[in-house]
Amino acid sequence: MISITTLLNPPEGLPVTEILLLSLILGMLHGATPDEHTWPITFSYAIGKYSTKGGMKAGFLFSLGFTIQRAFLTTLGFIGLAAIYKEYNLDGPVYFIVGLVMAIAGSYILKGKYLHLPIDKLLHKDIHQEEENMLRDVPLKMTIVHGLIAGFGFGAYASIITFILAPQLPSIWYAPLPGLFFGIGTMIMQIIFGAIFANIMKLKRMTEEEISYIARKTAGRTLYYGGLVFVIAGLLIIALPAIDNWAISTGNPIPNLDAIDIGFLLVVIVVGLIGITSIISSYREVVRTKHDKQEKVKEAK
């Protein structure tokens, strides 16, 4: 049985089969732990589809783009070009670009436009009747783009497959495989979590139209406002790189669970705060609208 110590500190001289097995398990850990480059995006798109199949598709498409990038990354690791990550902190630019793409996708869902600044919506209550026809379907194809971009984010798991496992392979033809298997492991877990996130929307005593409204509104808000949070985090890290090194240790050796840091806080804010709050808020809008309609019917009688 492979120990957590071996996973996080692989020895030298491993055969190809063990390298690929370790890469797969590391990918599954990456997908199962609260990672800022995967959970917020999978949550947003999956919940917007409010079905097991739709959620699984969201997780798959995101991980597909992520897997392609990771295969490219371990190839760079094999030939030594990934050393740029040791010289430069790319977290800020990656957060900024990921956030921008999230905001663009959220803007499309909410307003049918690829960029808007609904600051007034932060100060006023949403009106379900006015916005119902404005919400657009969740553009799942954008998840591939998110995956490709998010794959440039670099953390403990990426360091292991890029700088420890990839260089041990016998030739460049094998170099993409650790990234590929790492991506497949992430994909497996993201498909599972995508299905779980999507099924949050299966609320009782609600029509298909009402569930669709809540799902799309939640996806749009989470992508849009979550994207703005990522953009702000990226700009702060670019301006003040020391912020990215801030962390409070949890004592857990598993990456993504080992510390409360910027990445962990992004997951909590986007998924835990914006996402869950959006579900509750959208649900209340539907209930309020249904109640108003019932009152009007009573008055008409």
C-alpha atoms as a PDB file:
ATOM      1  CA  MET A   1       0.000   0.000   0.000  1.00  0.00           C
ATOM      2  CA  ILE A   2       1.277   3.470  -0.948  1.00  0.00           C
ATOM      3  CA  SER A   3       1.798   5.730   2.069  1.00  0.00           C
ATOM      4  CA  ILE A   4       1.066   9.448   2.143  1.00  0.00           C
ATOM      5  CA  THR A   5       4.796  10.021   2.670  1.00  0.00           C
ATOM      6  CA  THR A   6       5.628   8.205  -0.573  1.00  0.00           C
ATOM      7  CA  LEU A   7       2.917  10.128  -2.422  1.00  0.00           C
ATOM      8  CA  LEU A   8       4.146  13.525  -1.317  1.00  0.00           C
ATOM      9  CA  ASN A   9       7.865  12.649  -1.416  1.00  0.00           C
ATOM     10  CA  PRO A  10       8.341  10.058  -4.189  1.00  0.00           C
ATOM     11  CA  PRO A  11      11.757   8.337  -4.199  1.00  0.00           C
ATOM     12  CA  GLU A  12      14.155   8.306  -7.161  1.00  0.00           C
ATOM     13  CA  GLY A  13      14.417   5.411  -9.596  1.00  0.00           C
ATOM     14  CA  LEU A  14      10.718   4.563  -9.871  1.00  0.00           C
ATOM     15  CA  PRO A  15       9.535   2.440 -12.807  1.00  0.00           C
ATOM     16  CA  VAL A  16       7.126   4.022 -15.303  1.00  0.00           C
ATOM     17  CA  THR A  17       4.126   2.078 -13.981  1.00  0.00           C
ATOM     18  CA  GLU A  18       4.651   3.356 -10.422  1.00  0.00           C
ATOM     19  CA  ILE A  19       5.160   6.920 -11.654  1.00  0.00           C
ATOM     20  CA  LEU A  20       1.835   6.782 -13.475  1.00  0.00           C
ATOM     21  CA  LEU A  21       0.064   5.195 -10.497  1.00  0.00           C
ATOM     22  CA  LEU A  22       1.381   7.886  -8.162  1.00  0.00           C
ATOM     23  CA  SER A  23       0.336  10.567 -10.674  1.00  0.00           C
ATOM     24  CA  LEU A  24      -3.192   9.140 -10.839  1.00  0.00           C
ATOM     25  CA  ILE A  25      -3.570   9.024  -7.037  1.00  0.00           C
ATOM     26  CA  LEU A  26      -2.143  12.541  -6.684  1.00  0.00           C
ATOM     27  CA  GLY A  27      -4.680  13.725  -9.249  1.00  0.00           C
ATOM     28  CA  MET A  28      -7.514  12.145  -7.290  1.00  0.00           C
ATOM     29  CA  LEU A  29      -6.293  13.854  -4.101  1.00  0.00           C
ATOM     30  CA  HIS A  30      -6.087  17.128  -5.995  1.00  0.00           C
ATOM     31  CA  GLY A  31      -9.656  16.754  -7.245  1.00  0.00           C
ATOM     32  CA  ALA A  32     -11.009  15.694  -3.851  1.00  0.00           C
ATOM     33  CA  THR A  33      -9.458  18.479  -1.771  1.00  0.00           C
ATOM     34  CA  PRO A  34     -10.665  22.126  -1.836  1.00  0.00           C
ATOM     35  CA  ASP A  35      -8.510  23.541  -4.609  1.00  0.00           C
ATOM     36  CA  GLU A  36      -9.118  27.116  -5.762  1.00  0.00           C
ATOM     37  CA  HIS A  37      -8.444  26.238  -9.403  1.00  0.00           C
ATOM     38  CA  THR A  38     -11.071  23.487  -9.597  1.00  0.00           C
ATOM     39  CA  TRP A  39     -13.865  23.633  -7.010  1.00  0.00           C
ATOM     40  CA  PRO A  40     -15.244  27.158  -7.678  1.00  0.00           C
ATOM     41  CA  ILE A  41     -15.451  26.547 -11.423  1.00  0.00           C
ATOM     42  CA  THR A  42     -16.874  23.029 -11.234  1.00  0.00           C
ATOM     43  CA  PHE A  43     -19.407  24.164  -8.613  1.00  0.00           C
ATOM     44  CA  SER A  44     -20.578  27.090 -10.736  1.00  0.00           C
ATOM     45  CA  TYR A  45     -21.082  25.209 -13.981  1.00  0.00           C
ATOM     46  CA  ALA A  46     -22.377  22.006 -12.396  1.00  0.00           C
ATOM     47  CA  ILE A  47     -25.005  23.691 -10.276  1.00  0.00           C
ATOM     48  CA  GLY A  48     -26.162  25.649 -13.307  1.00  0.00           C
ATOM     49  CA  LYS A  49     -27.105  22.367 -14.973  1.00  0.00           C
ATOM     50  CA  TYR A  50     -28.968  21.049 -11.879  1.00  0.00           C
ATOM     51  CA  SER A  51     -28.779  17.390 -12.961  1.00  0.00           C
ATOM     52  CA  THR A  52     -26.414  14.503 -12.349  1.00  0.00           C
ATOM     53  CA  LYS A  53     -25.606  14.205 -16.048  1.00  0.00           C
ATOM     54  CA  GLY A  54     -25.089  17.945 -16.465  1.00  0.00           C
ATOM     55  CA  GLY A  55     -22.912  18.173 -13.373  1.00  0.00           C
ATOM     56  CA  MET A  56     -20.787  15.236 -14.461  1.00  0.00           C
ATOM     57  CA  LYS A  57     -20.375  16.812 -17.902  1.00  0.00           C
ATOM     58  CA  ALA A  58     -19.244  20.082 -16.328  1.00  0.00           C
ATOM     59  CA  GLY A  59     -16.646  18.244 -14.234  1.00  0.00           C
ATOM     60  CA  PHE A  60     -15.487  16.247 -17.257  1.00  0.00           C
ATOM     61  CA  LEU A  61     -15.106  19.205 -19.635  1.00  0.00           C
ATOM     62  CA  PHE A  62     -13.253  21.326 -17.091  1.00  0.00           C
ATOM     63  CA  SER A  63     -10.900  18.455 -16.282  1.00  0.00           C
ATOM     64  CA  LEU A  64     -10.352  17.779 -19.991  1.00  0.00           C
ATOM     65  CA  GLY A  65      -8.835  21.213 -20.504  1.00  0.00           C
ATOM     66  CA  PHE A  66      -6.935  20.857 -17.225  1.00  0.00           C
ATOM     67  CA  THR A  67      -5.572  17.441 -18.272  1.00  0.00           C
ATOM     68  CA  ILE A  68      -4.301  18.754 -21.619  1.00  0.00           C
ATOM     69  CA  GLN A  69      -2.429  21.533 -19.850  1.00  0.00           C
ATOM     70  CA  ARG A  70      -0.980  19.201 -17.204  1.00  0.00           C
ATOM     71  CA  ALA A  71       0.343  16.838 -19.898  1.00  0.00           C
ATOM     72  CA  PHE A  72       2.035  19.850 -21.471  1.00  0.00           C
ATOM     73  CA  LEU A  73       3.397  20.922 -18.074  1.00  0.00           C
ATOM     74  CA  THR A  74       5.069  17.595 -17.259  1.00  0.00           C
ATOM     75  CA  THR A  75       6.631  17.639 -20.734  1.00  0.00           C
ATOM     76  CA  LEU A  76       8.136  21.010 -19.859  1.00  0.00           C
ATOM     77  CA  GLY A  77       9.267  19.495 -16.572  1.00  0.00           C
ATOM     78  CA  PHE A  78      11.055  16.670 -18.365  1.00  0.00           C
ATOM     79  CA  ILE A  79      13.020  19.004 -20.637  1.00  0.00           C
ATOM     80  CA  GLY A  80      13.698  21.502 -17.854  1.00  0.00           C
ATOM     81  CA  LEU A  81      11.635  24.453 -19.127  1.00  0.00           C
ATOM     82  CA  ALA A  82       9.201  24.324 -16.189  1.00  0.00           C
ATOM     83  CA  ALA A  83      11.951  25.901 -14.095  1.00  0.00           C
ATOM     84  CA  ILE A  84      10.226  29.219 -14.836  1.00  0.00           C
ATOM     85  CA  TYR A  85       7.851  28.320 -11.992  1.00  0.00           C
ATOM     86  CA  LYS A  86      10.815  28.278  -9.612  1.00  0.00           C
ATOM     87  CA  GLU A  87      11.868  31.747 -10.731  1.00  0.00           C
ATOM     88  CA  TYR A  88       8.512  33.504 -11.013  1.00  0.00           C
ATOM     89  CA  ASN A  89       5.274  33.392  -9.038  1.00  0.00           C
ATOM     90  CA  LEU A  90       2.508  33.015 -11.618  1.00  0.00           C
ATOM     91  CA  ASP A  91      -0.354  32.705  -9.123  1.00  0.00           C
ATOM     92  CA  GLY A  92      -1.318  36.369  -9.442  1.00  0.00           C
ATOM     93  CA  PRO A  93      -1.613  36.414 -13.257  1.00  0.00           C
ATOM     94  CA  VAL A  94      -3.389  33.013 -13.272  1.00  0.00           C
ATOM     95  CA  TYR A  95      -5.916  34.140 -10.633  1.00  0.00           C
ATOM     96  CA  PHE A  96      -6.525  37.329 -12.605  1.00  0.00           C
ATOM     97  CA  ILE A  97      -7.114  35.564 -15.937  1.00  0.00           C
ATOM     98  CA  VAL A  98      -9.224  32.778 -14.395  1.00  0.00           C
ATOM     99  CA  GLY A  99     -11.322  35.394 -12.611  1.00  0.00           C
ATOM    100  CA  LEU A 100     -11.769  37.422 -15.775  1.00  0.00           C
ATOM    101  CA  VAL A 101     -13.003  34.386 -17.721  1.00  0.00           C
ATOM    102  CA  MET A 102     -15.333  33.450 -14.836  1.00  0.00           C
ATOM    103  CA  ALA A 103     -16.774  36.967 -14.779  1.00  0.00           C
ATOM    104  CA  ILE A 104     -17.294  36.953 -18.545  1.00  0.00           C
ATOM    105  CA  ALA A 105     -19.167  33.635 -18.374  1.00  0.00           C
ATOM    106  CA  GLY A 106     -21.252  34.822 -15.421  1.00  0.00           C
ATOM    107  CA  SER A 107     -22.049  38.065 -17.214  1.00  0.00           C
ATOM    108  CA  TYR A 108     -23.349  36.122 -20.198  1.00  0.00           C
ATOM    109  CA  ILE A 109     -25.633  33.984 -18.020  1.00  0.00           C
ATOM    110  CA  LEU A 110     -27.034  36.938 -16.082  1.00  0.00           C
ATOM    111  CA  LYS A 111     -27.419  39.498 -18.848  1.00  0.00           C
ATOM    112  CA  GLY A 112     -26.734  37.817 -22.170  1.00  0.00           C
ATOM    113  CA  LYS A 113     -23.665  40.045 -22.488  1.00  0.00           C
ATOM    114  CA  TYR A 114     -20.038  39.116 -22.143  1.00  0.00           C
ATOM    115  CA  LEU A 115     -19.232  42.019 -19.849  1.00  0.00           C
ATOM    116  CA  HIS A 116     -21.310  44.187 -17.535  1.00  0.00           C
ATOM    117  CA  LEU A 117     -20.991  45.889 -14.182  1.00  0.00           C
ATOM    118  CA  PRO A 118     -24.300  45.426 -12.323  1.00  0.00           C
ATOM    119  CA  ILE A 119     -23.183  47.401  -9.291  1.00  0.00           C
ATOM    120  CA  ASP A 120     -26.770  48.507  -8.711  1.00  0.00           C
ATOM    121  CA  LYS A 121     -27.726  44.862  -8.156  1.00  0.00           C
ATOM    122  CA  LEU A 122     -25.550  44.836  -5.059  1.00  0.00           C
ATOM    123  CA  LEU A 123     -27.713  47.571  -3.569  1.00  0.00           C
ATOM    124  CA  HIS A 124     -31.178  46.450  -4.636  1.00  0.00           C
ATOM    125  CA  LYS A 125     -33.182  43.262  -4.405  1.00  0.00           C
ATOM    126  CA  ASP A 126     -33.517  41.220  -7.581  1.00  0.00           C
ATOM    127  CA  ILE A 127     -36.928  40.959  -9.155  1.00  0.00           C
ATOM    128  CA  HIS A 128     -37.597  37.481 -10.485  1.00  0.00           C
ATOM    129  CA  GLN A 129     -40.246  38.524 -13.016  1.00  0.00           C
ATOM    130  CA  GLU A 130     -37.987  41.125 -14.637  1.00  0.00           C
ATOM    131  CA  GLU A 131     -34.888  38.951 -14.950  1.00  0.00           C
ATOM    132  CA  GLU A 132     -36.375  35.522 -15.667  1.00  0.00           C
ATOM    133  CA  ASN A 133     -36.283  35.967 -19.450  1.00  0.00           C
ATOM    134  CA  MET A 134     -32.801  37.490 -19.350  1.00  0.00           C
ATOM    135  CA  LEU A 135     -30.979  34.497 -17.888  1.00  0.00           C
ATOM    136  CA  ARG A 136     -29.022  32.464 -20.409  1.00  0.00           C
ATOM    137  CA  ASP A 137     -28.124  28.795 -20.368  1.00  0.00           C
ATOM    138  CA  VAL A 138     -24.827  27.857 -18.734  1.00  0.00           C
ATOM    139  CA  PRO A 139     -22.123  27.708 -21.471  1.00  0.00           C
ATOM    140  CA  LEU A 140     -20.469  24.390 -20.599  1.00  0.00           C
ATOM    141  CA  LYS A 141     -17.918  24.682 -23.410  1.00  0.00           C
ATOM    142  CA  MET A 142     -16.317  27.529 -21.456  1.00  0.00           C
ATOM    143  CA  THR A 143     -15.260  24.985 -18.839  1.00  0.00           C
ATOM    144  CA  ILE A 144     -12.599  23.633 -21.223  1.00  0.00           C
ATOM    145  CA  VAL A 145     -11.132  27.142 -21.500  1.00  0.00           C
ATOM    146  CA  HIS A 146     -11.216  27.449 -17.700  1.00  0.00           C
ATOM    147  CA  GLY A 147      -9.413  24.130 -17.379  1.00  0.00           C
ATOM    148  CA  LEU A 148      -6.664  25.127 -19.793  1.00  0.00           C
ATOM    149  CA  ILE A 149      -6.080  28.413 -17.972  1.00  0.00           C
ATOM    150  CA  ALA A 150      -6.408  27.029 -14.434  1.00  0.00           C
ATOM    151  CA  GLY A 151      -3.862  24.350 -15.301  1.00  0.00           C
ATOM    152  CA  PHE A 152      -1.165  27.024 -15.280  1.00  0.00           C
ATOM    153  CA  GLY A 153      -1.740  27.462 -11.561  1.00  0.00           C
ATOM    154  CA  PHE A 154       1.071  25.826  -9.651  1.00  0.00           C
ATOM    155  CA  GLY A 155       0.899  24.156  -6.253  1.00  0.00           C
ATOM    156  CA  ALA A 156       2.315  21.238  -4.287  1.00  0.00           C
ATOM    157  CA  TYR A 157       0.738  18.561  -6.494  1.00  0.00           C
ATOM    158  CA  ALA A 158       2.011  20.189  -9.684  1.00  0.00           C
ATOM    159  CA  SER A 159       5.501  20.444  -8.184  1.00  0.00           C
ATOM    160  CA  ILE A 160       5.591  16.695  -7.480  1.00  0.00           C
ATOM    161  CA  ILE A 161       4.550  15.536 -10.952  1.00  0.00           C
ATOM    162  CA  THR A 162       6.601  18.205 -12.742  1.00  0.00           C
ATOM    163  CA  PHE A 163       9.880  18.290 -10.828  1.00  0.00           C
ATOM    164  CA  ILE A 164      10.069  14.832  -9.227  1.00  0.00           C
ATOM    165  CA  LEU A 165       8.112  12.311 -11.316  1.00  0.00           C
ATOM    166  CA  ALA A 166       8.408  13.623 -14.900  1.00  0.00           C
ATOM    167  CA  PRO A 167      12.242  13.871 -14.934  1.00  0.00           C
ATOM    168  CA  GLN A 168      12.484  10.161 -13.985  1.00  0.00           C
ATOM    169  CA  LEU A 169      10.864   8.998 -17.221  1.00  0.00           C
ATOM    170  CA  PRO A 170      13.058   7.272 -19.811  1.00  0.00           C
ATOM    171  CA  SER A 171      12.330   9.599 -22.765  1.00  0.00           C
ATOM    172  CA  ILE A 172      10.361  12.664 -23.838  1.00  0.00           C
ATOM    173  CA  TRP A 173       7.702  10.396 -25.373  1.00  0.00           C
ATOM    174  CA  TYR A 174       6.697   9.393 -21.842  1.00  0.00           C
ATOM    175  CA  ALA A 175       6.875  12.958 -20.501  1.00  0.00           C
ATOM    176  CA  PRO A 176       3.180  13.905 -20.985  1.00  0.00           C
ATOM    177  CA  LEU A 177       1.960  10.752 -19.180  1.00  0.00           C
ATOM    178  CA  PRO A 178       2.300  11.895 -15.534  1.00  0.00           C
ATOM    179  CA  GLY A 179       0.311  15.021 -16.394  1.00  0.00           C
ATOM    180  CA  LEU A 180      -2.217  12.938 -18.314  1.00  0.00           C
ATOM    181  CA  PHE A 181      -2.742  10.491 -15.444  1.00  0.00           C
ATOM    182  CA  PHE A 182      -2.797  13.338 -12.921  1.00  0.00           C
ATOM    183  CA  GLY A 183      -5.495  15.004 -15.018  1.00  0.00           C
ATOM    184  CA  ILE A 184      -7.479  11.765 -15.248  1.00  0.00           C
ATOM    185  CA  GLY A 185      -7.360  11.416 -11.458  1.00  0.00           C
ATOM    186  CA  THR A 186      -8.573  14.997 -11.068  1.00  0.00           C
ATOM    187  CA  MET A 187     -11.236  14.332 -13.700  1.00  0.00           C
ATOM    188  CA  ILE A 188     -12.605  11.306 -11.825  1.00  0.00           C
ATOM    189  CA  MET A 189     -13.111  13.323  -8.652  1.00  0.00           C
ATOM    190  CA  GLN A 190     -14.417  16.418 -10.452  1.00  0.00           C
ATOM    191  CA  ILE A 191     -17.039  14.326 -12.251  1.00  0.00           C
ATOM    192  CA  ILE A 192     -18.154  12.934  -8.878  1.00  0.00           C
ATOM    193  CA  PHE A 193     -18.221  16.363  -7.234  1.00  0.00           C
ATOM    194  CA  GLY A 194     -19.884  17.868 -10.295  1.00  0.00           C
ATOM    195  CA  ALA A 195     -22.737  15.384  -9.905  1.00  0.00           C
ATOM    196  CA  ILE A 196     -22.983  16.174  -6.172  1.00  0.00           C
ATOM    197  CA  PHE A 197     -22.980  19.939  -6.732  1.00  0.00           C
ATOM    198  CA  ALA A 198     -25.604  19.677  -9.465  1.00  0.00           C
ATOM    199  CA  ASN A 199     -27.951  17.628  -7.307  1.00  0.00           C
ATOM    200  CA  ILE A 200     -28.047  20.397  -4.714  1.00  0.00           C
ATOM    201  CA  MET A 201     -30.610  21.945  -7.047  1.00  0.00           C
ATOM    202  CA  LYS A 202     -33.079  19.087  -6.796  1.00  0.00           C
ATOM    203  CA  LEU A 203     -35.403  20.912  -4.445  1.00  0.00           C
ATOM    204  CA  LYS A 204     -38.806  19.519  -3.519  1.00  0.00           C
ATOM    205  CA  ARG A 205     -42.139  20.974  -4.657  1.00  0.00           C
ATOM    206  CA  MET A 206     -40.638  23.164  -7.355  1.00  0.00           C
ATOM    207  CA  THR A 207     -41.402  23.245 -11.058  1.00  0.00           C
ATOM    208  CA  GLU A 208     -38.755  22.667 -13.725  1.00  0.00           C
ATOM    209  CA  GLU A 209     -38.935  26.358 -14.604  1.00  0.00           C
ATOM    210  CA  GLU A 210     -38.314  27.406 -11.000  1.00  0.00           C
ATOM    211  CA  ILE A 211     -35.390  25.032 -10.551  1.00  0.00           C
ATOM    212  CA  SER A 212     -33.918  26.239 -13.850  1.00  0.00           C
ATOM    213  CA  TYR A 213     -34.158  29.853 -12.688  1.00  0.00           C
ATOM    214  CA  ILE A 214     -32.470  29.142  -9.340  1.00  0.00           C
ATOM    215  CA  ALA A 215     -29.752  27.073 -11.011  1.00  0.00           C
ATOM    216  CA  ARG A 216     -28.902  29.606 -13.689  1.00  0.00           C
ATOM    217  CA  LYS A 217     -29.054  32.563 -11.325  1.00  0.00           C
ATOM    218  CA  THR A 218     -26.779  30.800  -8.860  1.00  0.00           C
ATOM    219  CA  ALA A 219     -24.309  29.816 -11.599  1.00  0.00           C
ATOM    220  CA  GLY A 220     -24.294  33.331 -13.037  1.00  0.00           C
ATOM    221  CA  ARG A 221     -23.792  35.031  -9.694  1.00  0.00           C
ATOM    222  CA  THR A 222     -21.113  32.592  -8.543  1.00  0.00           C
ATOM    223  CA  LEU A 223     -19.152  32.908 -11.773  1.00  0.00           C
ATOM    224  CA  TYR A 224     -19.542  36.663 -12.013  1.00  0.00           C
ATOM    225  CA  TYR A 225     -18.943  37.759  -8.426  1.00  0.00           C
ATOM    226  CA  GLY A 226     -16.569  34.865  -7.754  1.00  0.00           C
ATOM    227  CA  GLY A 227     -14.650  35.915 -10.848  1.00  0.00           C
ATOM    228  CA  LEU A 228     -14.337  39.454  -9.497  1.00  0.00           C
ATOM    229  CA  VAL A 229     -12.964  38.019  -6.239  1.00  0.00           C
ATOM    230  CA  PHE A 230     -10.351  36.066  -8.219  1.00  0.00           C
ATOM    231  CA  VAL A 231      -9.441  39.190 -10.227  1.00  0.00           C
ATOM    232  CA  ILE A 232      -8.954  41.196  -7.023  1.00  0.00           C
ATOM    233  CA  ALA A 233      -6.875  38.389  -5.460  1.00  0.00           C
ATOM    234  CA  GLY A 234      -4.738  38.201  -8.597  1.00  0.00           C
ATOM    235  CA  LEU A 235      -4.112  41.955  -8.665  1.00  0.00           C
ATOM    236  CA  LEU A 236      -3.238  41.980  -4.949  1.00  0.00           C
ATOM    237  CA  ILE A 237      -0.714  39.156  -5.398  1.00  0.00           C
ATOM    238  CA  ILE A 238       0.826  40.882  -8.439  1.00  0.00           C
ATOM    239  CA  ALA A 239       1.174  44.114  -6.450  1.00  0.00           C
ATOM    240  CA  LEU A 240       2.131  42.477  -3.141  1.00  0.00           C
ATOM    241  CA  PRO A 241       3.646  39.004  -3.821  1.00  0.00           C
ATOM    242  CA  ALA A 242       4.169  38.364  -0.102  1.00  0.00           C
ATOM    243  CA  ILE A 243       0.413  37.897   0.267  1.00  0.00           C
ATOM    244  CA  ASP A 244       0.668  34.627  -1.638  1.00  0.00           C
ATOM    245  CA  ASN A 245       3.026  33.248   1.014  1.00  0.00           C
ATOM    246  CA  TRP A 246       0.643  33.925   3.903  1.00  0.00           C
ATOM    247  CA  ALA A 247      -0.617  30.719   5.489  1.00  0.00           C
ATOM    248  CA  ILE A 248      -1.775  29.290   8.812  1.00  0.00           C
ATOM    249  CA  SER A 249      -0.782  25.644   9.187  1.00  0.00           C
ATOM    250  CA  THR A 250      -3.511  23.118  10.003  1.00  0.00           C
ATOM    251  CA  GLY A 251      -1.119  20.283  10.816  1.00  0.00           C
ATOM    252  CA  ASN A 252      -2.570  18.146   8.016  1.00  0.00           C
ATOM    253  CA  PRO A 253       0.160  16.951   5.589  1.00  0.00           C
ATOM    254  CA  ILE A 254      -2.167  16.703   2.564  1.00  0.00           C
ATOM    255  CA  PRO A 255      -1.831  19.683   0.181  1.00  0.00           C
ATOM    256  CA  ASN A 256      -4.942  21.925  -0.004  1.00  0.00           C
ATOM    257  CA  LEU A 257      -5.746  20.804   3.546  1.00  0.00           C
ATOM    258  CA  ASP A 258      -2.393  21.638   5.086  1.00  0.00           C
ATOM    259  CA  ALA A 259      -2.986  25.352   5.564  1.00  0.00           C
ATOM    260  CA  ILE A 260      -5.488  28.168   5.560  1.00  0.00           C
ATOM    261  CA  ASP A 261      -4.087  30.361   2.815  1.00  0.00           C
ATOM    262  CA  ILE A 262      -5.209  32.522  -0.112  1.00  0.00           C
ATOM    263  CA  GLY A 263      -6.238  29.496  -2.184  1.00  0.00           C
ATOM    264  CA  PHE A 264      -8.297  28.001   0.636  1.00  0.00           C
ATOM    265  CA  LEU A 265      -9.969  31.343   1.330  1.00  0.00           C
ATOM    266  CA  LEU A 266     -10.891  31.698  -2.347  1.00  0.00           C
ATOM    267  CA  VAL A 267     -12.688  28.335  -2.212  1.00  0.00           C
ATOM    268  CA  VAL A 268     -14.521  29.339   0.974  1.00  0.00           C
ATOM    269  CA  ILE A 269     -15.540  32.749  -0.395  1.00  0.00           C
ATOM    270  CA  VAL A 270     -16.590  31.652  -3.888  1.00  0.00           C
ATOM    271  CA  VAL A 271     -18.215  28.286  -3.115  1.00  0.00           C
ATOM    272  CA  GLY A 272     -19.130  28.638   0.555  1.00  0.00           C
ATOM    273  CA  LEU A 273     -20.142  32.296   0.679  1.00  0.00           C
ATOM    274  CA  ILE A 274     -21.132  33.487  -2.803  1.00  0.00           C
ATOM    275  CA  GLY A 275     -22.373  30.111  -4.069  1.00  0.00           C
ATOM    276  CA  ILE A 276     -24.478  29.045  -1.104  1.00  0.00           C
ATOM    277  CA  THR A 277     -25.769  32.591  -0.523  1.00  0.00           C
ATOM    278  CA  SER A 278     -26.822  32.749  -4.181  1.00  0.00           C
ATOM    279  CA  ILE A 279     -28.775  29.493  -3.860  1.00  0.00           C
ATOM    280  CA  ILE A 280     -30.624  30.777  -0.800  1.00  0.00           C
ATOM    281  CA  SER A 281     -31.241  34.198  -2.326  1.00  0.00           C
ATOM    282  CA  SER A 282     -32.516  32.794  -5.642  1.00  0.00           C
ATOM    283  CA  TYR A 283     -34.748  30.319  -3.812  1.00  0.00           C
ATOM    284  CA  ARG A 284     -36.273  33.136  -1.779  1.00  0.00           C
ATOM    285  CA  GLU A 285     -36.905  35.112  -4.968  1.00  0.00           C
ATOM    286  CA  VAL A 286     -38.851  32.187  -6.402  1.00  0.00           C
ATOM    287  CA  VAL A 287     -40.846  31.703  -3.205  1.00  0.00           C
ATOM    288  CA  ARG A 288     -41.606  35.415  -3.009  1.00  0.00           C
ATOM    289  CA  THR A 289     -42.708  35.528  -6.640  1.00  0.00           C
ATOM    290  CA  LYS A 290     -44.912  32.455  -6.212  1.00  0.00           C
ATOM    291  CA  HIS A 291     -46.504  33.993  -3.126  1.00  0.00           C
ATOM    292  CA  ASP A 292     -47.162  37.286  -4.951  1.00  0.00           C
ATOM    293  CA  LYS A 293     -48.827  35.433  -7.817  1.00  0.00           C
ATOM    294  CA  GLN A 294     -51.027  33.502  -5.423  1.00  0.00           C
ATOM    295  CA  GLU A 295     -52.062  36.744  -3.705  1.00  0.00           C
ATOM    296  CA  LYS A 296     -52.965  38.320  -7.030  1.00  0.00           C
ATOM    297  CA  VAL A 297     -55.101  35.305  -7.922  1.00  0.00           C
ATOM    298  CA  LYS A 298     -56.921  35.582  -4.579  1.00  0.00           C
ATOM    299  CA  GLU A 299     -57.513  39.285  -5.119  1.00  0.00           C
ATOM    300  CA  ALA A 300     -58.837  38.652  -8.614  1.00  0.00           C
ATOM    301  CA  LYS A 301     -61.401  36.233  -7.199  1.00  0.00           C
END
